[in-house]
Amino acid sequence: MVKKKELKQLDYNGLKSKLEDLKKDLMKINAQRSSGSSIDNPGRIKHARKTIARIKTYIKIKEENQKT
């Protein structure tokens, strides 16, 4: 689990790498779900989606701050 406080402290490249890791993790979870096998913790899907959205928001904010 990644906390908001930790995400705010990461730089642009750190956020990008964290985003890629979460996307890969979500892809694995969705593959398990679609293959019919049981998932250890179904709440991880929702958590991963929310965290991905949160990271994208922080990336957008950092990009806007660099422009000004």
N, C-alpha and C. Protein backbone atom coordinates (compact mmCIF):
# COMPACT_ATOMS: atom_id res chain seq x y z
N MET A 1 0.84 -1.18 0.00
CA MET A 1 0.00 0.00 0.00
C MET A 1 0.88 1.24 0.00
N VAL A 2 0.52 2.16 -0.85
CA VAL A 2 1.27 3.41 -0.94
C VAL A 2 0.40 4.52 -0.35
N LYS A 3 0.99 5.29 0.54
CA LYS A 3 0.24 6.36 1.18
C LYS A 3 0.42 7.65 0.39
N LYS A 4 -0.55 8.55 0.56
CA LYS A 4 -0.51 9.84 -0.13
C LYS A 4 0.74 10.61 0.22
N LYS A 5 1.12 10.55 1.48
CA LYS A 5 2.30 11.29 1.94
C LYS A 5 3.55 10.83 1.19
N GLU A 6 3.66 9.51 0.97
CA GLU A 6 4.81 8.96 0.26
C GLU A 6 4.80 9.40 -1.20
N LEU A 7 3.62 9.45 -1.80
CA LEU A 7 3.52 9.85 -3.20
C LEU A 7 3.89 11.32 -3.39
N LYS A 8 3.51 12.16 -2.46
CA LYS A 8 3.84 13.58 -2.57
C LYS A 8 5.34 13.81 -2.51
N GLN A 9 6.06 12.96 -1.80
CA GLN A 9 7.49 13.13 -1.65
C GLN A 9 8.29 12.63 -2.84
N LEU A 10 7.69 11.77 -3.67
CA LEU A 10 8.41 11.22 -4.81
C LEU A 10 8.58 12.27 -5.90
N ASP A 11 9.67 12.15 -6.65
CA ASP A 11 9.86 13.05 -7.78
C ASP A 11 9.15 12.47 -9.01
N TYR A 12 9.27 13.16 -10.12
CA TYR A 12 8.55 12.80 -11.35
C TYR A 12 8.92 11.38 -11.80
N ASN A 13 10.21 11.07 -11.84
CA ASN A 13 10.65 9.75 -12.29
C ASN A 13 10.22 8.65 -11.32
N GLY A 14 10.22 8.95 -10.05
CA GLY A 14 9.77 7.98 -9.05
C GLY A 14 8.29 7.66 -9.22
N LEU A 15 7.51 8.70 -9.52
CA LEU A 15 6.08 8.49 -9.74
C LEU A 15 5.85 7.64 -11.00
N LYS A 16 6.62 7.92 -12.04
CA LYS A 16 6.47 7.16 -13.28
C LYS A 16 6.80 5.68 -13.07
N SER A 17 7.86 5.40 -12.34
CA SER A 17 8.23 4.00 -12.10
C SER A 17 7.20 3.30 -11.21
N LYS A 18 6.69 4.02 -10.21
CA LYS A 18 5.66 3.45 -9.34
C LYS A 18 4.39 3.16 -10.14
N LEU A 19 4.07 4.05 -11.09
CA LEU A 19 2.89 3.87 -11.94
C LEU A 19 3.04 2.62 -12.80
N GLU A 20 4.21 2.42 -13.38
CA GLU A 20 4.44 1.23 -14.20
C GLU A 20 4.33 -0.05 -13.38
N ASP A 21 4.87 -0.04 -12.18
CA ASP A 21 4.79 -1.20 -11.30
C ASP A 21 3.34 -1.54 -10.96
N LEU A 22 2.56 -0.52 -10.64
CA LEU A 22 1.16 -0.76 -10.30
C LEU A 22 0.36 -1.24 -11.50
N LYS A 23 0.66 -0.72 -12.68
CA LYS A 23 -0.05 -1.18 -13.88
C LYS A 23 0.24 -2.65 -14.15
N LYS A 24 1.50 -3.06 -13.96
CA LYS A 24 1.86 -4.47 -14.15
C LYS A 24 1.16 -5.34 -13.11
N ASP A 25 1.11 -4.88 -11.88
CA ASP A 25 0.45 -5.62 -10.81
C ASP A 25 -1.04 -5.77 -11.11
N LEU A 26 -1.66 -4.69 -11.55
CA LEU A 26 -3.09 -4.74 -11.87
C LEU A 26 -3.35 -5.68 -13.05
N MET A 27 -2.43 -5.69 -14.01
CA MET A 27 -2.59 -6.59 -15.15
C MET A 27 -2.53 -8.05 -14.71
N LYS A 28 -1.63 -8.36 -13.78
CA LYS A 28 -1.53 -9.73 -13.26
C LYS A 28 -2.79 -10.12 -12.51
N ILE A 29 -3.31 -9.21 -11.70
CA ILE A 29 -4.53 -9.50 -10.93
C ILE A 29 -5.70 -9.74 -11.86
N ASN A 30 -5.82 -8.90 -12.88
CA ASN A 30 -6.93 -9.06 -13.83
C ASN A 30 -6.79 -10.35 -14.64
N ALA A 31 -5.57 -10.76 -14.93
CA ALA A 31 -5.35 -12.02 -15.64
C ALA A 31 -5.78 -13.21 -14.77
N GLN A 32 -5.45 -13.14 -13.49
CA GLN A 32 -5.89 -14.19 -12.57
C GLN A 32 -7.40 -14.26 -12.51
N ARG A 33 -8.02 -13.09 -12.44
CA ARG A 33 -9.48 -13.04 -12.33
C ARG A 33 -10.14 -13.59 -13.59
N SER A 34 -9.60 -13.24 -14.76
CA SER A 34 -10.21 -13.67 -16.01
C SER A 34 -9.99 -15.15 -16.28
N SER A 35 -8.89 -15.71 -15.74
CA SER A 35 -8.62 -17.13 -15.95
C SER A 35 -9.50 -18.01 -15.06
N GLY A 36 -10.15 -17.41 -14.10
CA GLY A 36 -11.07 -18.16 -13.26
C GLY A 36 -10.48 -18.59 -11.93
N SER A 37 -9.20 -18.37 -11.73
CA SER A 37 -8.62 -18.74 -10.44
C SER A 37 -8.99 -17.70 -9.39
N SER A 38 -8.98 -18.14 -8.15
CA SER A 38 -9.39 -17.23 -7.09
C SER A 38 -8.27 -16.23 -6.78
N ILE A 39 -8.67 -15.04 -6.41
CA ILE A 39 -7.72 -13.99 -6.07
C ILE A 39 -7.58 -13.96 -4.56
N ASP A 40 -6.34 -13.77 -4.09
CA ASP A 40 -6.10 -13.74 -2.65
C ASP A 40 -6.90 -12.64 -1.97
N ASN A 41 -6.81 -11.44 -2.52
CA ASN A 41 -7.48 -10.30 -1.93
C ASN A 41 -8.15 -9.49 -3.04
N PRO A 42 -9.45 -9.66 -3.24
CA PRO A 42 -10.14 -8.93 -4.31
C PRO A 42 -10.13 -7.41 -4.14
N GLY A 43 -9.91 -6.94 -2.93
CA GLY A 43 -9.86 -5.51 -2.69
C GLY A 43 -8.63 -4.85 -3.29
N ARG A 44 -7.63 -5.66 -3.65
CA ARG A 44 -6.42 -5.12 -4.27
C ARG A 44 -6.71 -4.47 -5.61
N ILE A 45 -7.72 -4.95 -6.33
CA ILE A 45 -8.07 -4.37 -7.63
C ILE A 45 -8.51 -2.93 -7.44
N LYS A 46 -9.42 -2.71 -6.53
CA LYS A 46 -9.93 -1.37 -6.27
C LYS A 46 -8.81 -0.46 -5.76
N HIS A 47 -7.99 -0.98 -4.86
CA HIS A 47 -6.90 -0.20 -4.30
C HIS A 47 -5.89 0.19 -5.39
N ALA A 48 -5.58 -0.76 -6.28
CA ALA A 48 -4.61 -0.49 -7.35
C ALA A 48 -5.14 0.58 -8.29
N ARG A 49 -6.41 0.49 -8.64
CA ARG A 49 -7.02 1.49 -9.53
C ARG A 49 -6.98 2.88 -8.91
N LYS A 50 -7.33 2.97 -7.65
CA LYS A 50 -7.33 4.27 -6.97
C LYS A 50 -5.92 4.84 -6.88
N THR A 51 -4.97 3.98 -6.58
CA THR A 51 -3.59 4.45 -6.46
C THR A 51 -3.05 4.90 -7.81
N ILE A 52 -3.40 4.19 -8.88
CA ILE A 52 -2.98 4.60 -10.23
C ILE A 52 -3.55 5.97 -10.55
N ALA A 53 -4.82 6.18 -10.26
CA ALA A 53 -5.43 7.48 -10.51
C ALA A 53 -4.77 8.57 -9.68
N ARG A 54 -4.44 8.26 -8.45
CA ARG A 54 -3.79 9.23 -7.56
C ARG A 54 -2.41 9.60 -8.09
N ILE A 55 -1.67 8.60 -8.56
CA ILE A 55 -0.33 8.85 -9.10
C ILE A 55 -0.43 9.71 -10.36
N LYS A 56 -1.40 9.41 -11.22
CA LYS A 56 -1.57 10.20 -12.44
C LYS A 56 -1.88 11.66 -12.10
N THR A 57 -2.64 11.86 -11.05
CA THR A 57 -2.96 13.23 -10.61
C THR A 57 -1.70 13.95 -10.16
N TYR A 58 -0.86 13.27 -9.37
CA TYR A 58 0.37 13.89 -8.89
C TYR A 58 1.34 14.16 -10.05
N ILE A 59 1.37 13.28 -11.04
CA ILE A 59 2.21 13.50 -12.21
C ILE A 59 1.75 14.74 -12.95
N LYS A 60 0.45 14.87 -13.12
CA LYS A 60 -0.12 16.04 -13.80
C LYS A 60 0.22 17.32 -13.06
N ILE A 61 0.12 17.31 -11.74
CA ILE A 61 0.45 18.48 -10.93
C ILE A 61 1.92 18.86 -11.08
N LYS A 62 2.79 17.84 -11.07
CA LYS A 62 4.23 18.11 -11.20
C LYS A 62 4.55 18.67 -12.59
N GLU A 63 3.86 18.18 -13.62
CA GLU A 63 4.08 18.70 -14.97
C GLU A 63 3.64 20.15 -15.08
N GLU A 64 2.51 20.50 -14.46
CA GLU A 64 2.03 21.86 -14.49
C GLU A 64 2.96 22.80 -13.72
N ASN A 65 3.52 22.32 -12.61
CA ASN A 65 4.44 23.13 -11.82
C ASN A 65 5.74 23.40 -12.58
N GLN A 66 6.15 22.46 -13.41
CA GLN A 66 7.37 22.65 -14.18
C GLN A 66 7.19 23.68 -15.30
N LYS A 67 5.97 23.80 -15.81
CA LYS A 67 5.69 24.75 -16.88
C LYS A 67 5.76 26.19 -16.40
N THR A 68 5.36 26.38 -15.14
CA THR A 68 5.35 27.74 -14.62
C THR A 68 6.62 28.12 -13.92
